[in-house]
């Protein structure tokens, strides 16, 4: 597959997903009781189908969830001028946020109902700058290990031509979700 055809496929998938999200509830947070009653994969699939709100940070930084599966999450992002650092390349924080989203959502898919996680450690290696010429990138996250107390995952940030821009790892703490809202 050529870079041009891969980019065309990526843009088509993005347009299709954007249409689904625009018909849904938009950015926000799923009700706590509902989220706690669903396993992580079901929750993420409901977000992907536009049945539950997606994280507002995705709109802020112009990226979206495109694929979800057991132990896997793929996000696609569009680097914008608003994401540039003073040197004219995409800020490392944008890389990190996109990778952290793929890593965390991959871990989330492994959570049974009533269990949650939080990022304890995030390591990001930026290996190539993203310049304004790069129109889309994908963060592909996958779980390496998911246990009762810890989960680890890895992710790669790539362009449609296969260029690697960054890679990352995470360690997440896994815990029981509170059964009711704190007072």
C-alpha atoms as a PDB file:
ATOM      1  CA  UNK A   1       0.000   0.000   0.000  1.00  0.00           C
ATOM      2  CA  UNK A   2       1.368   3.425  -0.899  1.00  0.00           C
ATOM      3  CA  UNK A   3       1.617   6.262   1.580  1.00  0.00           C
ATOM      4  CA  UNK A   4      -1.026   8.203  -0.353  1.00  0.00           C
ATOM      5  CA  UNK A   5      -3.520   5.340  -0.260  1.00  0.00           C
ATOM      6  CA  UNK A   6      -2.805   4.660   3.429  1.00  0.00           C
ATOM      7  CA  UNK A   7      -3.371   8.344   4.229  1.00  0.00           C
ATOM      8  CA  UNK A   8      -6.601   8.263   2.214  1.00  0.00           C
ATOM      9  CA  UNK A   9      -7.732   5.215   4.229  1.00  0.00           C
ATOM     10  CA  UNK A  10      -6.809   6.993   7.482  1.00  0.00           C
ATOM     11  CA  UNK A  11      -8.752  10.113   6.470  1.00  0.00           C
ATOM     12  CA  UNK A  12     -11.789   8.039   5.467  1.00  0.00           C
ATOM     13  CA  UNK A  13     -11.744   6.187   8.814  1.00  0.00           C
ATOM     14  CA  UNK A  14     -11.442   9.513  10.632  1.00  0.00           C
ATOM     15  CA  UNK A  15     -14.374  11.047   8.723  1.00  0.00           C
ATOM     16  CA  UNK A  16     -16.529   8.001   9.440  1.00  0.00           C
ATOM     17  CA  UNK A  17     -15.682   8.063  13.149  1.00  0.00           C
ATOM     18  CA  UNK A  18     -16.179  11.837  13.387  1.00  0.00           C
ATOM     19  CA  UNK A  19     -19.689  11.435  11.929  1.00  0.00           C
ATOM     20  CA  UNK A  20     -20.494   8.807  14.572  1.00  0.00           C
ATOM     21  CA  UNK A  21     -19.175  11.008  17.376  1.00  0.00           C
ATOM     22  CA  UNK A  22     -21.100  14.052  16.138  1.00  0.00           C
ATOM     23  CA  UNK A  23     -24.364  12.068  16.418  1.00  0.00           C
ATOM     24  CA  UNK A  24     -23.497  11.016  19.983  1.00  0.00           C
ATOM     25  CA  UNK A  25     -23.461  12.899  23.282  1.00  0.00           C
ATOM     26  CA  UNK A  26     -20.147  14.659  22.533  1.00  0.00           C
ATOM     27  CA  UNK A  27     -17.298  15.198  24.965  1.00  0.00           C
ATOM     28  CA  UNK A  28     -17.824  14.549  28.643  1.00  0.00           C
ATOM     29  CA  UNK A  29     -17.767  11.815  31.251  1.00  0.00           C
ATOM     30  CA  UNK A  30     -19.960   8.724  31.424  1.00  0.00           C
ATOM     31  CA  UNK A  31     -22.094   8.523  34.576  1.00  0.00           C
ATOM     32  CA  UNK A  32     -20.004   6.933  37.355  1.00  0.00           C
ATOM     33  CA  UNK A  33     -22.506   4.160  38.132  1.00  0.00           C
ATOM     34  CA  UNK A  34     -22.803   3.188  34.478  1.00  0.00           C
ATOM     35  CA  UNK A  35     -19.038   3.185  33.933  1.00  0.00           C
ATOM     36  CA  UNK A  36     -18.481   1.068  37.059  1.00  0.00           C
ATOM     37  CA  UNK A  37     -21.091  -1.469  35.933  1.00  0.00           C
ATOM     38  CA  UNK A  38     -19.441  -2.124  32.548  1.00  0.00           C
ATOM     39  CA  UNK A  39     -16.212  -3.899  31.760  1.00  0.00           C
ATOM     40  CA  UNK A  40     -13.594  -1.639  30.190  1.00  0.00           C
ATOM     41  CA  UNK A  41     -13.835  -3.105  26.698  1.00  0.00           C
ATOM     42  CA  UNK A  42     -17.620  -2.653  26.612  1.00  0.00           C
ATOM     43  CA  UNK A  43     -17.256   0.928  27.867  1.00  0.00           C
ATOM     44  CA  UNK A  44     -14.653   1.797  25.234  1.00  0.00           C
ATOM     45  CA  UNK A  45     -16.730   0.141  22.489  1.00  0.00           C
ATOM     46  CA  UNK A  46     -19.754   2.222  23.564  1.00  0.00           C
ATOM     47  CA  UNK A  47     -17.629   5.397  23.285  1.00  0.00           C
ATOM     48  CA  UNK A  48     -16.438   4.342  19.840  1.00  0.00           C
ATOM     49  CA  UNK A  49     -20.070   3.795  18.750  1.00  0.00           C
ATOM     50  CA  UNK A  50     -20.985   7.280  20.012  1.00  0.00           C
ATOM     51  CA  UNK A  51     -23.271   5.943  22.753  1.00  0.00           C
ATOM     52  CA  UNK A  52     -21.230   7.401  25.622  1.00  0.00           C
ATOM     53  CA  UNK A  53     -19.300  10.669  25.868  1.00  0.00           C
ATOM     54  CA  UNK A  54     -15.652  10.718  24.829  1.00  0.00           C
ATOM     55  CA  UNK A  55     -12.896  12.557  26.710  1.00  0.00           C
ATOM     56  CA  UNK A  56     -12.942  16.314  26.075  1.00  0.00           C
ATOM     57  CA  UNK A  57      -9.143  16.382  25.726  1.00  0.00           C
ATOM     58  CA  UNK A  58      -9.579  14.603  22.388  1.00  0.00           C
ATOM     59  CA  UNK A  59     -11.492  17.587  21.013  1.00  0.00           C
ATOM     60  CA  UNK A  60      -9.073  20.072  22.573  1.00  0.00           C
ATOM     61  CA  UNK A  61      -6.013  18.439  21.008  1.00  0.00           C
ATOM     62  CA  UNK A  62      -7.727  17.175  17.822  1.00  0.00           C
ATOM     63  CA  UNK A  63      -7.357  13.428  18.103  1.00  0.00           C
ATOM     64  CA  UNK A  64      -9.843  10.575  18.311  1.00  0.00           C
ATOM     65  CA  UNK A  65     -10.219   6.933  19.157  1.00  0.00           C
ATOM     66  CA  UNK A  66     -10.468   4.908  15.947  1.00  0.00           C
ATOM     67  CA  UNK A  67     -10.076   1.271  16.959  1.00  0.00           C
ATOM     68  CA  UNK A  68     -10.520  -0.696  20.152  1.00  0.00           C
ATOM     69  CA  UNK A  69     -10.080  -4.346  21.014  1.00  0.00           C
ATOM     70  CA  UNK A  70      -8.985  -6.510  23.920  1.00  0.00           C
ATOM     71  CA  UNK A  71      -5.690  -5.022  25.093  1.00  0.00           C
ATOM     72  CA  UNK A  72      -5.468  -2.644  22.131  1.00  0.00           C
ATOM     73  CA  UNK A  73      -6.387   0.947  21.299  1.00  0.00           C
ATOM     74  CA  UNK A  74      -5.628   3.112  18.257  1.00  0.00           C
ATOM     75  CA  UNK A  75      -5.951   6.894  18.238  1.00  0.00           C
ATOM     76  CA  UNK A  76      -5.450   9.187  15.262  1.00  0.00           C
ATOM     77  CA  UNK A  77      -4.360  12.781  15.637  1.00  0.00           C
ATOM     78  CA  UNK A  78      -4.036  15.835  13.478  1.00  0.00           C
ATOM     79  CA  UNK A  79      -1.119  18.051  14.517  1.00  0.00           C
ATOM     80  CA  UNK A  80      -2.176  21.681  14.191  1.00  0.00           C
ATOM     81  CA  UNK A  81      -0.379  25.017  14.330  1.00  0.00           C
ATOM     82  CA  UNK A  82      -1.827  25.420  17.836  1.00  0.00           C
ATOM     83  CA  UNK A  83       0.285  22.400  18.895  1.00  0.00           C
ATOM     84  CA  UNK A  84       3.611  23.857  17.738  1.00  0.00           C
ATOM     85  CA  UNK A  85       6.423  24.765  20.099  1.00  0.00           C
ATOM     86  CA  UNK A  86       8.555  27.916  19.593  1.00  0.00           C
ATOM     87  CA  UNK A  87      10.852  25.976  17.208  1.00  0.00           C
ATOM     88  CA  UNK A  88       7.971  25.238  14.816  1.00  0.00           C
ATOM     89  CA  UNK A  89       7.596  21.527  15.543  1.00  0.00           C
ATOM     90  CA  UNK A  90       4.820  19.764  17.435  1.00  0.00           C
ATOM     91  CA  UNK A  91       5.207  20.097  21.202  1.00  0.00           C
ATOM     92  CA  UNK A  92       6.271  16.962  23.063  1.00  0.00           C
ATOM     93  CA  UNK A  93       3.241  17.290  25.321  1.00  0.00           C
ATOM     94  CA  UNK A  94       0.991  16.612  22.336  1.00  0.00           C
ATOM     95  CA  UNK A  95       2.972  13.451  21.537  1.00  0.00           C
ATOM     96  CA  UNK A  96       2.754  12.382  25.188  1.00  0.00           C
ATOM     97  CA  UNK A  97      -0.987  13.002  25.489  1.00  0.00           C
ATOM     98  CA  UNK A  98      -1.797  11.060  22.342  1.00  0.00           C
ATOM     99  CA  UNK A  99       0.431   8.146  23.420  1.00  0.00           C
ATOM    100  CA  UNK A 100      -0.916   8.218  26.993  1.00  0.00           C
ATOM    101  CA  UNK A 101      -4.456   7.992  25.613  1.00  0.00           C
ATOM    102  CA  UNK A 102      -3.621   4.923  23.509  1.00  0.00           C
ATOM    103  CA  UNK A 103      -1.773   3.286  26.414  1.00  0.00           C
ATOM    104  CA  UNK A 104      -4.470   4.002  28.994  1.00  0.00           C
ATOM    105  CA  UNK A 105      -7.358   2.959  26.788  1.00  0.00           C
ATOM    106  CA  UNK A 106      -5.576  -0.287  25.882  1.00  0.00           C
ATOM    107  CA  UNK A 107      -5.283  -1.001  29.620  1.00  0.00           C
ATOM    108  CA  UNK A 108      -8.895   0.086  30.147  1.00  0.00           C
ATOM    109  CA  UNK A 109     -10.092  -2.637  27.774  1.00  0.00           C
ATOM    110  CA  UNK A 110      -8.712  -5.232  30.192  1.00  0.00           C
ATOM    111  CA  UNK A 111     -10.615  -3.975  33.248  1.00  0.00           C
ATOM    112  CA  UNK A 112     -13.516  -6.070  34.506  1.00  0.00           C
ATOM    113  CA  UNK A 113     -16.633  -4.247  35.731  1.00  0.00           C
ATOM    114  CA  UNK A 114     -15.920  -2.452  39.001  1.00  0.00           C
ATOM    115  CA  UNK A 115     -12.179  -2.113  38.362  1.00  0.00           C
ATOM    116  CA  UNK A 116     -10.271   0.956  37.237  1.00  0.00           C
ATOM    117  CA  UNK A 117      -6.717   2.129  36.710  1.00  0.00           C
ATOM    118  CA  UNK A 118      -4.566   5.211  36.855  1.00  0.00           C
ATOM    119  CA  UNK A 119      -1.261   5.982  35.208  1.00  0.00           C
ATOM    120  CA  UNK A 120       1.606   5.615  37.680  1.00  0.00           C
ATOM    121  CA  UNK A 121       4.447   6.033  35.185  1.00  0.00           C
ATOM    122  CA  UNK A 122       4.651   7.253  31.615  1.00  0.00           C
ATOM    123  CA  UNK A 123       7.859   7.093  29.587  1.00  0.00           C
ATOM    124  CA  UNK A 124       7.944   8.745  26.181  1.00  0.00           C
ATOM    125  CA  UNK A 125      10.795   8.622  23.681  1.00  0.00           C
ATOM    126  CA  UNK A 126      10.535  11.234  20.919  1.00  0.00           C
ATOM    127  CA  UNK A 127      12.610   9.934  18.023  1.00  0.00           C
ATOM    128  CA  UNK A 128      11.644  12.336  15.238  1.00  0.00           C
ATOM    129  CA  UNK A 129      10.045  15.771  15.105  1.00  0.00           C
ATOM    130  CA  UNK A 130       6.555  16.219  13.736  1.00  0.00           C
ATOM    131  CA  UNK A 131       6.561  19.228  11.446  1.00  0.00           C
ATOM    132  CA  UNK A 132       3.591  21.061   9.918  1.00  0.00           C
ATOM    133  CA  UNK A 133       3.995  18.865   6.803  1.00  0.00           C
ATOM    134  CA  UNK A 134       2.799  15.809   8.757  1.00  0.00           C
ATOM    135  CA  UNK A 135      -0.986  15.787   8.478  1.00  0.00           C
ATOM    136  CA  UNK A 136      -1.895  12.716  10.581  1.00  0.00           C
ATOM    137  CA  UNK A 137      -0.307  10.314  13.025  1.00  0.00           C
ATOM    138  CA  UNK A 138      -1.568   7.227  14.820  1.00  0.00           C
ATOM    139  CA  UNK A 139      -0.839   6.106  18.353  1.00  0.00           C
ATOM    140  CA  UNK A 140      -1.172   2.335  18.567  1.00  0.00           C
ATOM    141  CA  UNK A 141      -1.238   1.026  22.133  1.00  0.00           C
ATOM    142  CA  UNK A 142      -1.155  -2.549  23.358  1.00  0.00           C
ATOM    143  CA  UNK A 143      -1.136  -4.156  26.773  1.00  0.00           C
ATOM    144  CA  UNK A 144       1.988  -6.076  27.697  1.00  0.00           C
ATOM    145  CA  UNK A 145       0.738  -7.318  31.094  1.00  0.00           C
ATOM    146  CA  UNK A 146      -2.442  -6.843  33.092  1.00  0.00           C
ATOM    147  CA  UNK A 147      -2.510  -8.164  36.623  1.00  0.00           C
ATOM    148  CA  UNK A 148      -4.575  -7.620  39.729  1.00  0.00           C
ATOM    149  CA  UNK A 149      -2.579  -4.574  40.879  1.00  0.00           C
ATOM    150  CA  UNK A 150      -0.411  -3.472  37.942  1.00  0.00           C
ATOM    151  CA  UNK A 151      -0.759  -3.225  34.194  1.00  0.00           C
ATOM    152  CA  UNK A 152       1.886  -2.308  31.629  1.00  0.00           C
ATOM    153  CA  UNK A 153       1.476  -1.256  28.028  1.00  0.00           C
ATOM    154  CA  UNK A 154       3.506   0.016  25.094  1.00  0.00           C
ATOM    155  CA  UNK A 155       2.638   2.297  22.188  1.00  0.00           C
ATOM    156  CA  UNK A 156       4.085   3.655  18.971  1.00  0.00           C
ATOM    157  CA  UNK A 157       3.291   6.955  17.251  1.00  0.00           C
ATOM    158  CA  UNK A 158       3.575   6.525  13.474  1.00  0.00           C
ATOM    159  CA  UNK A 159       2.769   8.364  10.277  1.00  0.00           C
ATOM    160  CA  UNK A 160       0.909   6.910   7.289  1.00  0.00           C
ATOM    161  CA  UNK A 161       4.258   6.231   5.598  1.00  0.00           C
ATOM    162  CA  UNK A 162       5.353   4.099   8.563  1.00  0.00           C
ATOM    163  CA  UNK A 163       7.680   6.748  10.016  1.00  0.00           C
ATOM    164  CA  UNK A 164       8.139   6.271  13.754  1.00  0.00           C
ATOM    165  CA  UNK A 165       7.860   9.580  15.618  1.00  0.00           C
ATOM    166  CA  UNK A 166       7.788   8.304  19.195  1.00  0.00           C
ATOM    167  CA  UNK A 167       7.284   5.260  21.364  1.00  0.00           C
ATOM    168  CA  UNK A 168       6.129   4.997  24.948  1.00  0.00           C
ATOM    169  CA  UNK A 169       5.493   2.702  27.874  1.00  0.00           C
ATOM    170  CA  UNK A 170       3.279   2.966  30.916  1.00  0.00           C
ATOM    171  CA  UNK A 171       2.757   1.323  34.253  1.00  0.00           C
ATOM    172  CA  UNK A 172      -0.766   1.642  35.618  1.00  0.00           C
ATOM    173  CA  UNK A 173      -2.094   0.944  39.092  1.00  0.00           C
ATOM    174  CA  UNK A 174      -5.222  -1.232  39.015  1.00  0.00           C
ATOM    175  CA  UNK A 175      -7.829  -0.901  41.774  1.00  0.00           C
ATOM    176  CA  UNK A 176     -11.467  -1.363  42.758  1.00  0.00           C
ATOM    177  CA  UNK A 177     -13.666   1.568  41.767  1.00  0.00           C
ATOM    178  CA  UNK A 178     -15.514   3.302  44.594  1.00  0.00           C
ATOM    179  CA  UNK A 179     -19.063   2.000  44.858  1.00  0.00           C
ATOM    180  CA  UNK A 180     -20.499   5.475  45.418  1.00  0.00           C
ATOM    181  CA  UNK A 181     -19.438   9.076  44.896  1.00  0.00           C
ATOM    182  CA  UNK A 182     -17.301  10.598  47.640  1.00  0.00           C
ATOM    183  CA  UNK A 183     -19.100  13.184  49.753  1.00  0.00           C
END
